[in-house]
Every structure is written in structure tokens, then in C-alpha cells.
PDB file of N, CA and C in Angstrom:
ATOM      1  N   MET A   1      19.996   2.854  -2.566  1.00  0.00           N
ATOM      2  CA  MET A   1      19.628   3.004  -0.791  1.00  0.00           C
ATOM      3  C   MET A   1      19.240   1.108  -0.696  1.00  0.00           C
ATOM      4  N   ASN A   2      19.421   1.108   0.392  1.00  0.00           N
ATOM      5  CA  ASN A   2      18.870   0.027   1.151  1.00  0.00           C
ATOM      6  C   ASN A   2      18.386  -0.239   1.862  1.00  0.00           C
ATOM      7  N   THR A   3      17.075   0.086   1.966  1.00  0.00           N
ATOM      8  CA  THR A   3      15.740  -0.232   2.957  1.00  0.00           C
ATOM      9  C   THR A   3      14.877  -0.942   3.009  1.00  0.00           C
ATOM     10  N   CYS A   4      14.936  -1.299   4.634  1.00  0.00           N
ATOM     11  CA  CYS A   4      13.948  -2.450   4.463  1.00  0.00           C
ATOM     12  C   CYS A   4      12.973  -2.483   5.450  1.00  0.00           C
ATOM     13  N   VAL A   5      11.742  -2.653   5.700  1.00  0.00           N
ATOM     14  CA  VAL A   5      10.571  -2.096   6.385  1.00  0.00           C
ATOM     15  C   VAL A   5       9.608  -3.370   6.420  1.00  0.00           C
ATOM     16  N   ASP A   6       9.765  -4.074   7.675  1.00  0.00           N
ATOM     17  CA  ASP A   6       8.534  -4.866   8.166  1.00  0.00           C
ATOM     18  C   ASP A   6       7.387  -4.642   8.247  1.00  0.00           C
ATOM     19  N   PHE A   7       6.235  -4.931   7.988  1.00  0.00           N
ATOM     20  CA  PHE A   7       5.326  -4.358   8.661  1.00  0.00           C
ATOM     21  C   PHE A   7       4.077  -5.561   8.450  1.00  0.00           C
ATOM     22  N   ARG A   8       3.913  -5.345   9.792  1.00  0.00           N
ATOM     23  CA  ARG A   8       2.549  -6.346  10.056  1.00  0.00           C
ATOM     24  C   ARG A   8       1.473  -5.828  10.778  1.00  0.00           C
ATOM     25  N   SER A   9       0.613  -6.146   9.726  1.00  0.00           N
ATOM     26  CA  SER A   9      -1.352  -5.749  10.429  1.00  0.00           C
ATOM     27  C   SER A   9      -2.040  -6.667  10.235  1.00  0.00           C
ATOM     28  N   ASP A  10      -3.012  -6.700  11.007  1.00  0.00           N
ATOM     29  CA  ASP A  10      -4.236  -7.883  11.180  1.00  0.00           C
ATOM     30  C   ASP A  10      -5.481  -6.849  10.212  1.00  0.00           C
ATOM     31  N   LEU A  11      -5.581  -5.741   9.943  1.00  0.00           N
ATOM     32  CA  LEU A  11      -6.122  -4.801   9.247  1.00  0.00           C
ATOM     33  C   LEU A  11      -5.844  -4.886   7.666  1.00  0.00           C
ATOM     34  N   PHE A  12      -4.171  -5.206   7.424  1.00  0.00           N
ATOM     35  CA  PHE A  12      -4.167  -4.642   6.050  1.00  0.00           C
ATOM     36  C   PHE A  12      -3.915  -6.363   5.262  1.00  0.00           C
ATOM     37  N   LYS A  13      -4.760  -6.232   4.560  1.00  0.00           N
ATOM     38  CA  LYS A  13      -5.036  -7.802   3.645  1.00  0.00           C
ATOM     39  C   LYS A  13      -4.851  -7.369   2.220  1.00  0.00           C
ATOM     40  N   PRO A  14      -3.991  -7.819   1.750  1.00  0.00           N
ATOM     41  CA  PRO A  14      -3.319  -7.981   0.229  1.00  0.00           C
ATOM     42  C   PRO A  14      -4.461  -8.358  -0.803  1.00  0.00           C
ATOM     43  N   PHE A  15      -4.869  -7.654  -1.996  1.00  0.00           N
ATOM     44  CA  PHE A  15      -6.343  -8.447  -2.371  1.00  0.00           C
ATOM     45  C   PHE A  15      -5.027  -9.212  -3.656  1.00  0.00           C
ATOM     46  N   LEU A  16      -4.115  -9.262  -4.403  1.00  0.00           N
ATOM     47  CA  LEU A  16      -3.906  -9.744  -5.277  1.00  0.00           C
ATOM     48  C   LEU A  16      -2.580 -11.015  -4.636  1.00  0.00           C
ATOM     49  N   SER A  17      -2.713 -12.458  -5.264  1.00  0.00           N
ATOM     50  CA  SER A  17      -2.090 -13.691  -4.635  1.00  0.00           C
ATOM     51  C   SER A  17      -0.808 -13.054  -4.680  1.00  0.00           C
ATOM     52  N   ASP A  18      -0.371 -14.055  -4.268  1.00  0.00           N
ATOM     53  CA  ASP A  18       1.129 -13.697  -4.994  1.00  0.00           C
ATOM     54  C   ASP A  18       2.014 -14.545  -6.138  1.00  0.00           C
ATOM     55  N   ASP A  19       1.425 -15.224  -6.689  1.00  0.00           N
ATOM     56  CA  ASP A  19       1.671 -15.538  -8.027  1.00  0.00           C
ATOM     57  C   ASP A  19       1.856 -14.263  -9.245  1.00  0.00           C
ATOM     58  N   VAL A  20       0.763 -13.533  -8.911  1.00  0.00           N
ATOM     59  CA  VAL A  20       0.617 -12.032  -9.951  1.00  0.00           C
ATOM     60  C   VAL A  20       1.484 -10.784  -9.161  1.00  0.00           C
ATOM     61  N   GLN A  21       2.109 -11.205  -7.633  1.00  0.00           N
ATOM     62  CA  GLN A  21       2.906  -9.854  -7.534  1.00  0.00           C
ATOM     63  C   GLN A  21       4.577  -9.839  -8.309  1.00  0.00           C
ATOM     64  N   VAL A  22       4.837  -8.805  -8.181  1.00  0.00           N
ATOM     65  CA  VAL A  22       6.101  -8.723  -8.734  1.00  0.00           C
ATOM     66  C   VAL A  22       7.162 -10.052  -8.726  1.00  0.00           C
ATOM     67  N   ASN A  23       7.439  -9.392  -6.776  1.00  0.00           N
ATOM     68  CA  ASN A  23       7.835 -10.147  -5.976  1.00  0.00           C
ATOM     69  C   ASN A  23       7.170 -10.578  -4.985  1.00  0.00           C
ATOM     70  N   PRO A  24       6.971 -11.995  -4.686  1.00  0.00           N
ATOM     71  CA  PRO A  24       6.266 -12.861  -3.641  1.00  0.00           C
ATOM     72  C   PRO A  24       6.419 -12.103  -2.435  1.00  0.00           C
ATOM     73  N   ARG A  25       5.446 -12.264  -1.865  1.00  0.00           N
ATOM     74  CA  ARG A  25       5.118 -11.499  -0.593  1.00  0.00           C
ATOM     75  C   ARG A  25       5.843 -10.241  -0.221  1.00  0.00           C
ATOM     76  N   ARG A  26       6.299  -9.054  -1.436  1.00  0.00           N
ATOM     77  CA  ARG A  26       5.934  -8.054  -0.917  1.00  0.00           C
ATOM     78  C   ARG A  26       4.774  -7.292  -1.654  1.00  0.00           C
ATOM     79  N   TYR A  27       4.364  -6.329  -0.958  1.00  0.00           N
ATOM     80  CA  TYR A  27       3.415  -5.185  -1.299  1.00  0.00           C
ATOM     81  C   TYR A  27       3.455  -3.908  -1.052  1.00  0.00           C
ATOM     82  N   GLY A  28       4.412  -3.760  -1.818  1.00  0.00           N
ATOM     83  CA  GLY A  28       4.799  -2.468  -1.599  1.00  0.00           C
ATOM     84  C   GLY A  28       3.606  -1.541  -1.945  1.00  0.00           C
ATOM     85  N   THR A  29       3.212  -1.671  -3.407  1.00  0.00           N
ATOM     86  CA  THR A  29       1.958  -1.159  -3.661  1.00  0.00           C
ATOM     87  C   THR A  29       0.617  -1.486  -3.360  1.00  0.00           C
ATOM     88  N   GLU A  30       0.544  -2.336  -2.924  1.00  0.00           N
ATOM     89  CA  GLU A  30      -0.925  -2.018  -2.285  1.00  0.00           C
ATOM     90  C   GLU A  30      -0.976  -2.215  -0.739  1.00  0.00           C
ATOM     91  N   LEU A  31       0.107  -1.864  -0.399  1.00  0.00           N
ATOM     92  CA  LEU A  31       0.000  -1.265   0.852  1.00  0.00           C
ATOM     93  C   LEU A  31       0.525   0.312   1.265  1.00  0.00           C
ATOM     94  N   SER A  32       0.982   0.339   0.069  1.00  0.00           N
ATOM     95  CA  SER A  32       0.668   2.172  -0.029  1.00  0.00           C
ATOM     96  C   SER A  32      -0.693   2.742  -0.304  1.00  0.00           C
ATOM     97  N   TRP A  33      -1.498   1.780  -1.393  1.00  0.00           N
ATOM     98  CA  TRP A  33      -2.972   2.179  -1.704  1.00  0.00           C
ATOM     99  C   TRP A  33      -3.273   2.166  -0.585  1.00  0.00           C
ATOM    100  N   TRP A  34      -3.521   0.910   0.140  1.00  0.00           N
ATOM    101  CA  TRP A  34      -4.112   1.022   1.599  1.00  0.00           C
ATOM    102  C   TRP A  34      -4.224   1.811   2.695  1.00  0.00           C
ATOM    103  N   PHE A  35      -2.861   2.242   2.991  1.00  0.00           N
ATOM    104  CA  PHE A  35      -2.514   3.377   3.984  1.00  0.00           C
ATOM    105  C   PHE A  35      -3.016   4.638   3.492  1.00  0.00           C
ATOM    106  N   SER A  36      -2.937   5.144   1.789  1.00  0.00           N
ATOM    107  CA  SER A  36      -3.347   6.394   1.962  1.00  0.00           C
ATOM    108  C   SER A  36      -4.962   6.513   1.944  1.00  0.00           C
ATOM    109  N   ARG A  37      -5.650   5.489   1.743  1.00  0.00           N
ATOM    110  CA  ARG A  37      -7.193   4.973   1.725  1.00  0.00           C
ATOM    111  C   ARG A  37      -7.353   5.385   3.344  1.00  0.00           C
ATOM    112  N   GLU A  38      -6.962   4.461   4.247  1.00  0.00           N
ATOM    113  CA  GLU A  38      -7.124   4.426   5.890  1.00  0.00           C
ATOM    114  C   GLU A  38      -6.366   5.751   6.644  1.00  0.00           C
ATOM    115  N   LEU A  39      -5.817   6.467   5.723  1.00  0.00           N
ATOM    116  CA  LEU A  39      -5.404   7.846   6.457  1.00  0.00           C
ATOM    117  C   LEU A  39      -6.076   9.575   5.740  1.00  0.00           C
ATOM    118  N   ALA A  40      -6.655   9.569   4.485  1.00  0.00           N
ATOM    119  CA  ALA A  40      -7.549   9.683   4.065  1.00  0.00           C
ATOM    120  C   ALA A  40      -8.858   9.864   4.667  1.00  0.00           C
ATOM    121  N   ALA A  41      -9.435   8.056   5.123  1.00  0.00           N
ATOM    122  CA  ALA A  41     -10.433   8.091   6.083  1.00  0.00           C
ATOM    123  C   ALA A  41     -10.236   8.545   7.257  1.00  0.00           C
ATOM    124  N   SER A  42      -9.544   8.992   7.890  1.00  0.00           N
ATOM    125  CA  SER A  42      -9.131   8.805   9.362  1.00  0.00           C
ATOM    126  C   SER A  42      -9.204  10.447   9.215  1.00  0.00           C
ATOM    127  N   GLY A  43      -9.166  11.164   8.035  1.00  0.00           N
ATOM    128  CA  GLY A  43      -8.773  12.676   7.814  1.00  0.00           C
ATOM    129  C   GLY A  43      -7.558  13.460   7.954  1.00  0.00           C
ATOM    130  N   GLY A  44      -6.937  11.956   7.937  1.00  0.00           N
ATOM    131  CA  GLY A  44      -5.367  12.427   8.259  1.00  0.00           C
ATOM    132  C   GLY A  44      -4.659  13.237   6.712  1.00  0.00           C
ATOM    133  N   ILE A  45      -5.628  13.568   5.887  1.00  0.00           N
ATOM    134  CA  ILE A  45      -5.048  13.877   4.209  1.00  0.00           C
ATOM    135  C   ILE A  45      -6.317  14.457   4.093  1.00  0.00           C
ATOM    136  N   SER A  46      -6.429  15.201   3.024  1.00  0.00           N
ATOM    137  CA  SER A  46      -7.729  15.521   2.309  1.00  0.00           C
ATOM    138  C   SER A  46      -7.718  15.233   1.038  1.00  0.00           C
ATOM    139  N   GLU A  47      -6.349  15.173   0.123  1.00  0.00           N
ATOM    140  CA  GLU A  47      -6.385  14.629  -1.147  1.00  0.00           C
ATOM    141  C   GLU A  47      -5.338  13.640  -1.457  1.00  0.00           C
ATOM    142  N   ILE A  48      -5.887  12.812  -2.136  1.00  0.00           N
ATOM    143  CA  ILE A  48      -4.265  11.675  -2.974  1.00  0.00           C
ATOM    144  C   ILE A  48      -4.330  11.834  -4.223  1.00  0.00           C
ATOM    145  N   THR A  49      -3.351  12.040  -4.167  1.00  0.00           N
ATOM    146  CA  THR A  49      -2.786  12.105  -5.939  1.00  0.00           C
ATOM    147  C   THR A  49      -1.732  11.162  -6.065  1.00  0.00           C
ATOM    148  N   TRP A  50      -1.796  10.850  -7.300  1.00  0.00           N
ATOM    149  CA  TRP A  50      -0.698   9.541  -7.578  1.00  0.00           C
ATOM    150  C   TRP A  50       0.460  10.368  -8.699  1.00  0.00           C
ATOM    151  N   SER A  51       1.594   9.972  -8.792  1.00  0.00           N
ATOM    152  CA  SER A  51       2.665  10.505  -9.171  1.00  0.00           C
ATOM    153  C   SER A  51       2.478  10.154 -10.568  1.00  0.00           C
ATOM    154  N   ASN A  52       2.063   9.051 -11.081  1.00  0.00           N
ATOM    155  CA  ASN A  52       2.229   8.462 -12.693  1.00  0.00           C
ATOM    156  C   ASN A  52       0.233   8.887 -12.825  1.00  0.00           C
ATOM    157  N   GLY A  53      -0.239   9.566 -12.751  1.00  0.00           N
ATOM    158  CA  GLY A  53      -1.255   9.843 -12.808  1.00  0.00           C
ATOM    159  C   GLY A  53      -2.560   8.754 -12.720  1.00  0.00           C
ATOM    160  N   SER A  54      -2.489   8.164 -12.252  1.00  0.00           N
ATOM    161  CA  SER A  54      -3.866   6.945 -12.018  1.00  0.00           C
ATOM    162  C   SER A  54      -3.747   6.782 -10.712  1.00  0.00           C
ATOM    163  N   PRO A  55      -4.724   6.034  -9.969  1.00  0.00           N
ATOM    164  CA  PRO A  55      -5.030   5.387  -8.846  1.00  0.00           C
ATOM    165  C   PRO A  55      -4.582   4.299  -8.764  1.00  0.00           C
TER     166      PRO A  55
END
């Protein structure tokens, strides 16, 4: 699968520095965590579950 998504927002602030990222300037895990929290806070979802069993 070759999917590329560019996402820009002043609301999303990655908290890990680039030198600890697997791929610099690629924030998939942090973006999904942030997005799920924002969605839950807005009432868009009522429960967050993780496929690997950990937050």
C-alpha cells in the first residue's frame, strides 16, 4: 500500500523530538494518539481501545 497523507495543524504538537522518532518528521503514532484524544474529548467516540493492549 502506498498511501501518503500530509497533515498540518497548529493544534497538533508532537512531544517527542525527531532524534527519538523511528523516521524523522513522521508522527503517525503521536498523531493517532492526539487525534483519538481530541475525538474522545469532543464526544465523537465514547471509548478508546488499542490493538496492542496498551495506551
